Amino acid sequence: GPDNLIAFMNGPLTGTQVTMSGRIAICTKSPIEGQVTDS
């Protein structure tokens, strides 16, 4: 539904010289069974 929020988030080490720091987290309420999820 429109009230759900989906967040595209990076962290304090994302995109820096830290090795393997190219990740992004996408967080929302899952339509699978209504649990919180991050992918």
Full PDB file with SEQRES, HELIX, SHEET, SSBOND, CRYST1, ORIGX, SCALE, CONECT and MASTER records, all heavy atoms in Angstrom:
SEQRES   1 A   39  GLY PRO ASP ASN LEU ILE ALA PHE MET ASN GLY PRO LEU          
SEQRES   2 A   39  THR GLY THR GLN VAL THR MET SER GLY ARG ILE ALA ILE          
SEQRES   3 A   39  CYS THR LYS SER PRO ILE GLU GLY GLN VAL THR ASP SER          
SHEET    1 AA1 3 ALA A   7  MET A   9  0                                        
SHEET    2 AA1 3 ALA A  25  LYS A  29 -1                                        
SHEET    3 AA1 3 VAL A  36  ASP A  38 -1                                        
CRYST1    1.000    1.000    1.000  90.00  90.00  90.00 P 1           1          
ORIGX1      1.000000  0.000000  0.000000        0.00000                         
ORIGX2      0.000000  1.000000  0.000000        0.00000                         
ORIGX3      0.000000  0.000000  1.000000        0.00000                         
SCALE1      1.000000  0.000000  0.000000        0.00000                         
SCALE2      0.000000  1.000000  0.000000        0.00000                         
SCALE3      0.000000  0.000000  1.000000        0.00000                         
ATOM      1  N   GLY A   1       0.823  -1.195   0.000  1.00  0.00           N  
ATOM      2  CA  GLY A   1       0.000   0.000   0.000  1.00  0.00           C  
ATOM      3  C   GLY A   1       0.860   1.250   0.000  1.00  0.00           C  
ATOM      4  O   GLY A   1       2.070   1.207   0.255  1.00  0.00           O  
ATOM      5  N   PRO A   2       0.266   2.401  -0.246  1.00  0.00           N  
ATOM      6  CA  PRO A   2       1.036   3.645  -0.326  1.00  0.00           C  
ATOM      7  C   PRO A   2       1.683   4.065   0.980  1.00  0.00           C  
ATOM      8  O   PRO A   2       2.644   4.847   0.966  1.00  0.00           O  
ATOM      9  CB  PRO A   2      -0.004   4.675  -0.790  1.00  0.00           C  
ATOM     10  CG  PRO A   2      -1.335   4.085  -0.418  1.00  0.00           C  
ATOM     11  CD  PRO A   2      -1.173   2.608  -0.543  1.00  0.00           C  
ATOM     12  N   ASP A   3       1.189   3.569   2.112  1.00  0.00           N  
ATOM     13  CA  ASP A   3       1.743   3.985   3.399  1.00  0.00           C  
ATOM     14  C   ASP A   3       3.068   3.303   3.727  1.00  0.00           C  
ATOM     15  O   ASP A   3       3.782   3.741   4.632  1.00  0.00           O  
ATOM     16  CB  ASP A   3       0.745   3.715   4.529  1.00  0.00           C  
ATOM     17  CG  ASP A   3      -0.482   4.613   4.441  1.00  0.00           C  
ATOM     18  OD1 ASP A   3      -0.379   5.685   3.816  1.00  0.00           O  
ATOM     19  OD2 ASP A   3      -1.538   4.233   4.977  1.00  0.00           O  
ATOM     20  N   ASN A   4       3.380   2.224   3.037  1.00  0.00           N  
ATOM     21  CA  ASN A   4       4.665   1.577   3.290  1.00  0.00           C  
ATOM     22  C   ASN A   4       5.794   2.475   2.801  1.00  0.00           C  
ATOM     23  O   ASN A   4       5.644   3.242   1.844  1.00  0.00           O  
ATOM     24  CB  ASN A   4       4.735   0.218   2.593  1.00  0.00           C  
ATOM     25  CG  ASN A   4       5.892  -0.642   3.099  1.00  0.00           C  
ATOM     26  OD1 ASN A   4       6.483  -0.375   4.141  1.00  0.00           O  
ATOM     27  ND2 ASN A   4       6.214  -1.691   2.361  1.00  0.00           N  
ATOM     28  N   LEU A   5       6.922   2.365   3.460  1.00  0.00           N  
ATOM     29  CA  LEU A   5       8.109   3.143   3.109  1.00  0.00           C  
ATOM     30  C   LEU A   5       9.193   2.198   2.615  1.00  0.00           C  
ATOM     31  O   LEU A   5       9.384   1.119   3.172  1.00  0.00           O  
ATOM     32  CB  LEU A   5       8.599   3.929   4.330  1.00  0.00           C  
ATOM     33  CG  LEU A   5       9.868   4.769   4.169  1.00  0.00           C  
ATOM     34  CD1 LEU A   5       9.734   6.090   4.924  1.00  0.00           C  
ATOM     35  CD2 LEU A   5      11.104   4.026   4.667  1.00  0.00           C  
ATOM     36  N   ILE A   6       9.903   2.597   1.577  1.00  0.00           N  
ATOM     37  CA  ILE A   6      11.055   1.833   1.111  1.00  0.00           C  
ATOM     38  C   ILE A   6      12.258   2.763   1.119  1.00  0.00           C  
ATOM     39  O   ILE A   6      12.217   3.860   0.559  1.00  0.00           O  
ATOM     40  CB  ILE A   6      10.811   1.185  -0.270  1.00  0.00           C  
ATOM     41  CG1 ILE A   6      12.004   0.307  -0.661  1.00  0.00           C  
ATOM     42  CG2 ILE A   6      10.461   2.204  -1.336  1.00  0.00           C  
ATOM     43  CD1 ILE A   6      11.725  -0.615  -1.846  1.00  0.00           C  
ATOM     44  N   ALA A   7      13.313   2.328   1.811  1.00  0.00           N  
ATOM     45  CA  ALA A   7      14.493   3.163   2.052  1.00  0.00           C  
ATOM     46  C   ALA A   7      15.697   2.589   1.319  1.00  0.00           C  
ATOM     47  O   ALA A   7      16.025   1.412   1.482  1.00  0.00           O  
ATOM     48  CB  ALA A   7      14.773   3.241   3.551  1.00  0.00           C  
ATOM     49  N   PHE A   8      16.347   3.420   0.514  1.00  0.00           N  
ATOM     50  CA  PHE A   8      17.606   3.072  -0.145  1.00  0.00           C  
ATOM     51  C   PHE A   8      18.716   3.729   0.658  1.00  0.00           C  
ATOM     52  O   PHE A   8      18.850   4.960   0.652  1.00  0.00           O  
ATOM     53  CB  PHE A   8      17.626   3.591  -1.581  1.00  0.00           C  
ATOM     54  CG  PHE A   8      16.698   2.884  -2.522  1.00  0.00           C  
ATOM     55  CD1 PHE A   8      15.315   2.990  -2.386  1.00  0.00           C  
ATOM     56  CD2 PHE A   8      17.195   2.114  -3.568  1.00  0.00           C  
ATOM     57  CE1 PHE A   8      14.449   2.343  -3.263  1.00  0.00           C  
ATOM     58  CE2 PHE A   8      16.337   1.463  -4.444  1.00  0.00           C  
ATOM     59  CZ  PHE A   8      14.965   1.572  -4.290  1.00  0.00           C  
ATOM     60  N   MET A   9      19.529   2.923   1.353  1.00  0.00           N  
ATOM     61  CA  MET A   9      20.452   3.463   2.337  1.00  0.00           C  
ATOM     62  C   MET A   9      21.890   3.014   2.093  1.00  0.00           C  
ATOM     63  O   MET A   9      22.145   1.845   1.795  1.00  0.00           O  
ATOM     64  CB  MET A   9      20.052   3.006   3.752  1.00  0.00           C  
ATOM     65  CG  MET A   9      18.631   3.349   4.166  1.00  0.00           C  
ATOM     66  SD  MET A   9      18.322   5.128   4.308  1.00  0.00           S  
ATOM     67  CE  MET A   9      19.523   5.579   5.564  1.00  0.00           C  
ATOM     68  N   ASN A  10      22.817   3.941   2.233  1.00  0.00           N  
ATOM     69  CA  ASN A  10      24.214   3.538   2.339  1.00  0.00           C  
ATOM     70  C   ASN A  10      24.696   3.796   3.764  1.00  0.00           C  
ATOM     71  O   ASN A  10      23.951   4.327   4.593  1.00  0.00           O  
ATOM     72  CB  ASN A  10      25.098   4.223   1.293  1.00  0.00           C  
ATOM     73  CG  ASN A  10      24.974   5.728   1.302  1.00  0.00           C  
ATOM     74  OD1 ASN A  10      24.910   6.335   2.362  1.00  0.00           O  
ATOM     75  ND2 ASN A  10      24.948   6.336   0.125  1.00  0.00           N  
ATOM     76  N   GLY A  11      25.925   3.396   4.069  1.00  0.00           N  
ATOM     77  CA  GLY A  11      26.446   3.536   5.418  1.00  0.00           C  
ATOM     78  C   GLY A  11      27.674   4.413   5.450  1.00  0.00           C  
ATOM     79  O   GLY A  11      28.152   4.893   4.410  1.00  0.00           O  
ATOM     80  N   PRO A  12      28.238   4.628   6.625  1.00  0.00           N  
ATOM     81  CA  PRO A  12      29.376   5.544   6.753  1.00  0.00           C  
ATOM     82  C   PRO A  12      30.639   5.067   6.048  1.00  0.00           C  
ATOM     83  O   PRO A  12      31.534   5.872   5.798  1.00  0.00           O  
ATOM     84  CB  PRO A  12      29.587   5.638   8.266  1.00  0.00           C  
ATOM     85  CG  PRO A  12      28.970   4.393   8.830  1.00  0.00           C  
ATOM     86  CD  PRO A  12      27.808   4.105   7.935  1.00  0.00           C  
ATOM     87  N   LEU A  13      30.731   3.769   5.725  1.00  0.00           N  
ATOM     88  CA  LEU A  13      31.911   3.275   5.021  1.00  0.00           C  
ATOM     89  C   LEU A  13      31.660   3.069   3.526  1.00  0.00           C  
ATOM     90  O   LEU A  13      32.602   2.794   2.778  1.00  0.00           O  
ATOM     91  CB  LEU A  13      32.402   1.959   5.638  1.00  0.00           C  
ATOM     92  CG  LEU A  13      32.747   1.976   7.130  1.00  0.00           C  
ATOM     93  CD1 LEU A  13      33.428   0.671   7.536  1.00  0.00           C  
ATOM     94  CD2 LEU A  13      33.612   3.168   7.499  1.00  0.00           C  
ATOM     95  N   THR A  14      30.407   3.199   3.085  1.00  0.00           N  
ATOM     96  CA  THR A  14      30.076   2.980   1.682  1.00  0.00           C  
ATOM     97  C   THR A  14      30.795   3.984   0.784  1.00  0.00           C  
ATOM     98  O   THR A  14      30.840   5.177   1.077  1.00  0.00           O  
ATOM     99  CB  THR A  14      28.558   3.117   1.454  1.00  0.00           C  
ATOM    100  OG1 THR A  14      27.866   2.248   2.344  1.00  0.00           O  
ATOM    101  CG2 THR A  14      28.191   2.772   0.020  1.00  0.00           C  
ATOM    102  N   GLY A  15      31.338   3.476  -0.315  1.00  0.00           N  
ATOM    103  CA  GLY A  15      31.936   4.363  -1.306  1.00  0.00           C  
ATOM    104  C   GLY A  15      33.244   4.988  -0.895  1.00  0.00           C  
ATOM    105  O   GLY A  15      33.679   5.979  -1.487  1.00  0.00           O  
ATOM    106  N   THR A  16      33.896   4.393   0.110  1.00  0.00           N  
ATOM    107  CA  THR A  16      35.170   4.920   0.595  1.00  0.00           C  
ATOM    108  C   THR A  16      36.301   3.986   0.155  1.00  0.00           C  
ATOM    109  O   THR A  16      36.111   3.075  -0.646  1.00  0.00           O  
ATOM    110  CB  THR A  16      35.163   5.017   2.126  1.00  0.00           C  
ATOM    111  OG1 THR A  16      35.138   3.683   2.694  1.00  0.00           O  
ATOM    112  CG2 THR A  16      33.938   5.787   2.620  1.00  0.00           C  
ATOM    113  N   GLN A  17      37.489   4.213   0.719  1.00  0.00           N  
ATOM    114  CA  GLN A  17      38.626   3.343   0.435  1.00  0.00           C  
ATOM    115  C   GLN A  17      38.518   1.981   1.111  1.00  0.00           C  
ATOM    116  O   GLN A  17      39.302   1.069   0.799  1.00  0.00           O  
ATOM    117  CB  GLN A  17      39.916   4.024   0.892  1.00  0.00           C  
ATOM    118  CG  GLN A  17      40.306   5.231   0.067  1.00  0.00           C  
ATOM    119  CD  GLN A  17      41.516   5.921   0.668  1.00  0.00           C  
ATOM    120  OE1 GLN A  17      41.449   6.492   1.753  1.00  0.00           O  
ATOM    121  NE2 GLN A  17      42.638   5.845  -0.022  1.00  0.00           N  
ATOM    122  N   VAL A  18      37.590   1.821   2.026  1.00  0.00           N  
ATOM    123  CA  VAL A  18      37.405   0.539   2.706  1.00  0.00           C  
ATOM    124  C   VAL A  18      37.162  -0.549   1.666  1.00  0.00           C  
ATOM    125  O   VAL A  18      36.376  -0.375   0.725  1.00  0.00           O  
ATOM    126  CB  VAL A  18      36.228   0.610   3.698  1.00  0.00           C  
ATOM    127  CG1 VAL A  18      35.909  -0.769   4.261  1.00  0.00           C  
ATOM    128  CG2 VAL A  18      36.543   1.580   4.823  1.00  0.00           C  
ATOM    129  N   THR A  19      37.843  -1.684   1.815  1.00  0.00           N  
ATOM    130  CA  THR A  19      37.670  -2.760   0.849  1.00  0.00           C  
ATOM    131  C   THR A  19      36.232  -3.282   0.859  1.00  0.00           C  
ATOM    132  O   THR A  19      35.597  -3.376   1.899  1.00  0.00           O  
ATOM    133  CB  THR A  19      38.630  -3.926   1.142  1.00  0.00           C  
ATOM    134  OG1 THR A  19      38.489  -4.321   2.500  1.00  0.00           O  
ATOM    135  CG2 THR A  19      40.067  -3.527   0.879  1.00  0.00           C  
ATOM    136  N   MET A  20      35.747  -3.599  -0.326  1.00  0.00           N  
ATOM    137  CA  MET A  20      34.407  -4.175  -0.518  1.00  0.00           C  
ATOM    138  C   MET A  20      33.312  -3.249   0.008  1.00  0.00           C  
ATOM    139  O   MET A  20      32.329  -3.700   0.597  1.00  0.00           O  
ATOM    140  CB  MET A  20      34.308  -5.549   0.139  1.00  0.00           C  
ATOM    141  CG  MET A  20      35.427  -6.514  -0.200  1.00  0.00           C  
ATOM    142  SD  MET A  20      35.113  -8.171   0.480  1.00  0.00           S  
ATOM    143  CE  MET A  20      36.767  -8.826   0.582  1.00  0.00           C  
ATOM    144  N   SER A  21      33.450  -1.944  -0.220  1.00  0.00           N  
ATOM    145  CA  SER A  21      32.491  -0.982   0.344  1.00  0.00           C  
ATOM    146  C   SER A  21      31.533  -0.441  -0.706  1.00  0.00           C  
ATOM    147  O   SER A  21      31.121   0.719  -0.649  1.00  0.00           O  
ATOM    148  CB  SER A  21      33.235   0.170   1.022  1.00  0.00           C  
ATOM    149  OG  SER A  21      34.052   0.880   0.102  1.00  0.00           O  
ATOM    150  N   GLY A  22      31.136  -1.287  -1.657  1.00  0.00           N  
ATOM    151  CA  GLY A  22      30.227  -0.845  -2.707  1.00  0.00           C  
ATOM    152  C   GLY A  22      28.793  -1.289  -2.513  1.00  0.00           C  
ATOM    153  O   GLY A  22      28.040  -1.393  -3.477  1.00  0.00           O  
ATOM    154  N   ARG A  23      28.382  -1.530  -1.282  1.00  0.00           N  
ATOM    155  CA  ARG A  23      27.056  -2.105  -1.025  1.00  0.00           C  
ATOM    156  C   ARG A  23      26.000  -1.027  -0.771  1.00  0.00           C  
ATOM    157  O   ARG A  23      26.302   0.101  -0.406  1.00  0.00           O  
ATOM    158  CB  ARG A  23      27.105  -3.028   0.189  1.00  0.00           C  
ATOM    159  CG  ARG A  23      28.163  -4.107   0.136  1.00  0.00           C  
ATOM    160  CD  ARG A  23      27.827  -5.221  -0.825  1.00  0.00           C  
ATOM    161  NE  ARG A  23      26.715  -6.039  -0.352  1.00  0.00           N  
ATOM    162  CZ  ARG A  23      26.213  -7.066  -1.045  1.00  0.00           C  
ATOM    163  NH1 ARG A  23      26.700  -7.375  -2.223  1.00  0.00           N  
ATOM    164  NH2 ARG A  23      25.215  -7.783  -0.556  1.00  0.00           N  
ATOM    165  N   ILE A  24      24.739  -1.411  -0.954  1.00  0.00           N  
ATOM    166  CA  ILE A  24      23.602  -0.565  -0.616  1.00  0.00           C  
ATOM    167  C   ILE A  24      22.530  -1.441   0.028  1.00  0.00           C  
ATOM    168  O   ILE A  24      22.375  -2.615  -0.329  1.00  0.00           O  
ATOM    169  CB  ILE A  24      23.048   0.164  -1.854  1.00  0.00           C  
ATOM    170  CG1 ILE A  24      22.014   1.222  -1.450  1.00  0.00           C  
ATOM    171  CG2 ILE A  24      22.475  -0.823  -2.881  1.00  0.00           C  
ATOM    172  CD1 ILE A  24      21.667   2.183  -2.578  1.00  0.00           C  
ATOM    173  N   ALA A  25      21.810  -0.888   0.999  1.00  0.00           N  
ATOM    174  CA  ALA A  25      20.743  -1.609   1.699  1.00  0.00           C  
ATOM    175  C   ALA A  25      19.398  -1.025   1.296  1.00  0.00           C  
ATOM    176  O   ALA A  25      19.222   0.197   1.302  1.00  0.00           O  
ATOM    177  CB  ALA A  25      20.921  -1.496   3.211  1.00  0.00           C  
ATOM    178  N   ILE A  26      18.455  -1.890   0.958  1.00  0.00           N  
ATOM    179  CA  ILE A  26      17.096  -1.463   0.638  1.00  0.00           C  
ATOM    180  C   ILE A  26      16.176  -2.078   1.682  1.00  0.00           C  
ATOM    181  O   ILE A  26      16.077  -3.301   1.800  1.00  0.00           O  
ATOM    182  CB  ILE A  26      16.713  -1.874  -0.784  1.00  0.00           C  
ATOM    183  CG1 ILE A  26      17.699  -1.231  -1.773  1.00  0.00           C  
ATOM    184  CG2 ILE A  26      15.276  -1.468  -1.096  1.00  0.00           C  
ATOM    185  CD1 ILE A  26      17.518  -1.653  -3.205  1.00  0.00           C  
ATOM    186  N   CYS A  27      15.546  -1.224   2.477  1.00  0.00           N  
ATOM    187  CA  CYS A  27      14.789  -1.650   3.662  1.00  0.00           C  
ATOM    188  C   CYS A  27      13.318  -1.287   3.503  1.00  0.00           C  
ATOM    189  O   CYS A  27      12.987  -0.182   3.062  1.00  0.00           O  
ATOM    190  CB  CYS A  27      15.351  -0.983   4.922  1.00  0.00           C  
ATOM    191  SG  CYS A  27      17.134  -1.177   5.150  1.00  0.00           S  
ATOM    192  N   THR A  28      12.451  -2.211   3.920  1.00  0.00           N  
ATOM    193  CA  THR A  28      11.019  -1.972   3.804  1.00  0.00           C  
ATOM    194  C   THR A  28      10.269  -3.035   4.598  1.00  0.00           C  
ATOM    195  O   THR A  28      10.876  -3.928   5.196  1.00  0.00           O  
ATOM    196  CB  THR A  28      10.579  -1.997   2.326  1.00  0.00           C  
ATOM    197  OG1 THR A  28       9.244  -1.506   2.197  1.00  0.00           O  
ATOM    198  CG2 THR A  28      10.667  -3.401   1.738  1.00  0.00           C  
ATOM    199  N   LYS A  29       8.955  -2.937   4.613  1.00  0.00           N  
ATOM    200  CA  LYS A  29       8.121  -4.017   5.138  1.00  0.00           C  
ATOM    201  C   LYS A  29       7.860  -4.987   4.002  1.00  0.00           C  
ATOM    202  O   LYS A  29       7.376  -4.592   2.930  1.00  0.00           O  
ATOM    203  CB  LYS A  29       6.803  -3.482   5.695  1.00  0.00           C  
ATOM    204  CG  LYS A  29       5.934  -4.568   6.327  1.00  0.00           C  
ATOM    205  CD  LYS A  29       4.675  -4.004   6.979  1.00  0.00           C  
ATOM    206  CE  LYS A  29       3.919  -5.121   7.712  1.00  0.00           C  
ATOM    207  NZ  LYS A  29       2.720  -4.608   8.415  1.00  0.00           N  
ATOM    208  N   SER A  30       8.177  -6.253   4.210  1.00  0.00           N  
ATOM    209  CA  SER A  30       8.125  -7.244   3.142  1.00  0.00           C  
ATOM    210  C   SER A  30       6.698  -7.656   2.810  1.00  0.00           C  
ATOM    211  O   SER A  30       5.881  -7.898   3.707  1.00  0.00           O  
ATOM    212  CB  SER A  30       8.923  -8.490   3.545  1.00  0.00           C  
ATOM    213  OG  SER A  30       8.729  -9.523   2.602  1.00  0.00           O  
ATOM    214  N   PRO A  31       6.395  -7.785   1.510  1.00  0.00           N  
ATOM    215  CA  PRO A  31       5.080  -8.302   1.117  1.00  0.00           C  
ATOM    216  C   PRO A  31       4.971  -9.816   1.236  1.00  0.00           C  
ATOM    217  O   PRO A  31       3.910 -10.376   0.957  1.00  0.00           O  
ATOM    218  CB  PRO A  31       4.980  -7.871  -0.355  1.00  0.00           C  
ATOM    219  CG  PRO A  31       6.391  -7.858  -0.841  1.00  0.00           C  
ATOM    220  CD  PRO A  31       7.214  -7.393   0.342  1.00  0.00           C  
ATOM    221  N   ILE A  32       6.048 -10.485   1.645  1.00  0.00           N  
ATOM    222  CA  ILE A  32       6.000 -11.947   1.737  1.00  0.00           C  
ATOM    223  C   ILE A  32       5.097 -12.377   2.881  1.00  0.00           C  
ATOM    224  O   ILE A  32       4.115 -13.083   2.694  1.00  0.00           O  
ATOM    225  CB  ILE A  32       7.416 -12.527   1.873  1.00  0.00           C  
ATOM    226  CG1 ILE A  32       8.184 -12.304   0.559  1.00  0.00           C  
ATOM    227  CG2 ILE A  32       7.367 -14.021   2.205  1.00  0.00           C  
ATOM    228  CD1 ILE A  32       9.600 -12.813   0.577  1.00  0.00           C  
ATOM    229  N   GLU A  33       5.412 -11.911   4.119  1.00  0.00           N  
ATOM    230  CA  GLU A  33       4.515 -12.181   5.248  1.00  0.00           C  
ATOM    231  C   GLU A  33       4.433 -10.999   6.210  1.00  0.00           C  
ATOM    232  O   GLU A  33       3.967 -11.149   7.333  1.00  0.00           O  
ATOM    233  CB  GLU A  33       4.937 -13.450   5.997  1.00  0.00           C  
ATOM    234  CG  GLU A  33       4.513 -14.733   5.290  1.00  0.00           C  
ATOM    235  CD  GLU A  33       4.519 -15.951   6.196  1.00  0.00           C  
ATOM    236  OE1 GLU A  33       5.126 -15.891   7.291  1.00  0.00           O  
ATOM    237  OE2 GLU A  33       3.923 -16.975   5.806  1.00  0.00           O  
ATOM    238  N   GLY A  34       4.923  -9.836   5.781  1.00  0.00           N  
ATOM    239  CA  GLY A  34       4.763  -8.640   6.601  1.00  0.00           C  
ATOM    240  C   GLY A  34       5.867  -8.398   7.593  1.00  0.00           C  
ATOM    241  O   GLY A  34       5.742  -7.531   8.464  1.00  0.00           O  
ATOM    242  N   GLN A  35       6.989  -9.122   7.494  1.00  0.00           N  
ATOM    243  CA  GLN A  35       8.129  -8.873   8.368  1.00  0.00           C  
ATOM    244  C   GLN A  35       8.966  -7.714   7.830  1.00  0.00           C  
ATOM    245  O   GLN A  35       8.844  -7.333   6.669  1.00  0.00           O  
ATOM    246  CB  GLN A  35       8.999 -10.133   8.497  1.00  0.00           C  
ATOM    247  CG  GLN A  35       9.675 -10.596   7.211  1.00  0.00           C  
ATOM    248  CD  GLN A  35       8.856 -11.600   6.437  1.00  0.00           C  
ATOM    249  OE1 GLN A  35       7.668 -11.386   6.203  1.00  0.00           O  
ATOM    250  NE2 GLN A  35       9.477 -12.691   6.012  1.00  0.00           N  
ATOM    251  N   VAL A  36       9.819  -7.164   8.661  1.00  0.00           N  
ATOM    252  CA  VAL A  36      10.757  -6.156   8.177  1.00  0.00           C  
ATOM    253  C   VAL A  36      11.847  -6.862   7.376  1.00  0.00           C  
ATOM    254  O   VAL A  36      12.233  -7.995   7.687  1.00  0.00           O  
ATOM    255  CB  VAL A  36      11.369  -5.357   9.343  1.00  0.00           C  
ATOM    256  CG1 VAL A  36      12.287  -6.201  10.210  1.00  0.00           C  
ATOM    257  CG2 VAL A  36      12.100  -4.114   8.837  1.00  0.00           C  
ATOM    258  N   THR A  37      12.300  -6.218   6.318  1.00  0.00           N  
ATOM    259  CA  THR A  37      13.333  -6.835   5.499  1.00  0.00           C  
ATOM    260  C   THR A  37      14.342  -5.795   5.057  1.00  0.00           C  
ATOM    261  O   THR A  37      14.035  -4.600   4.991  1.00  0.00           O  
ATOM    262  CB  THR A  37      12.719  -7.547   4.273  1.00  0.00           C  
ATOM    263  OG1 THR A  37      13.692  -8.401   3.678  1.00  0.00           O  
ATOM    264  CG2 THR A  37      12.246  -6.545   3.222  1.00  0.00           C  
ATOM    265  N   ASP A  38      15.537  -6.245   4.786  1.00  0.00           N  
ATOM    266  CA  ASP A  38      16.557  -5.423   4.141  1.00  0.00           C  
ATOM    267  C   ASP A  38      17.237  -6.301   3.116  1.00  0.00           C  
ATOM    268  O   ASP A  38      17.517  -7.467   3.366  1.00  0.00           O  
ATOM    269  CB  ASP A  38      17.572  -4.888   5.151  1.00  0.00           C  
ATOM    270  CG  ASP A  38      18.324  -5.988   5.873  1.00  0.00           C  
ATOM    271  OD1 ASP A  38      17.703  -6.687   6.712  1.00  0.00           O  
ATOM    272  OD2 ASP A  38      19.521  -6.174   5.613  1.00  0.00           O  
ATOM    273  N   SER A  39      17.475  -5.749   1.939  1.00  0.00           N  
ATOM    274  CA  SER A  39      18.075  -6.524   0.861  1.00  0.00           C  
ATOM    275  C   SER A  39      19.184  -5.685   0.236  1.00  0.00           C  
ATOM    276  O   SER A  39      18.985  -4.508  -0.062  1.00  0.00           O  
ATOM    277  CB  SER A  39      17.016  -6.880  -0.181  1.00  0.00           C  
ATOM    278  OG  SER A  39      17.512  -7.833  -1.094  1.00  0.00           O  
TER     279      SER A  39                                                      
MASTER        0    0    0    0    3    0    0    6  278    1    0    3          
END                                                                             
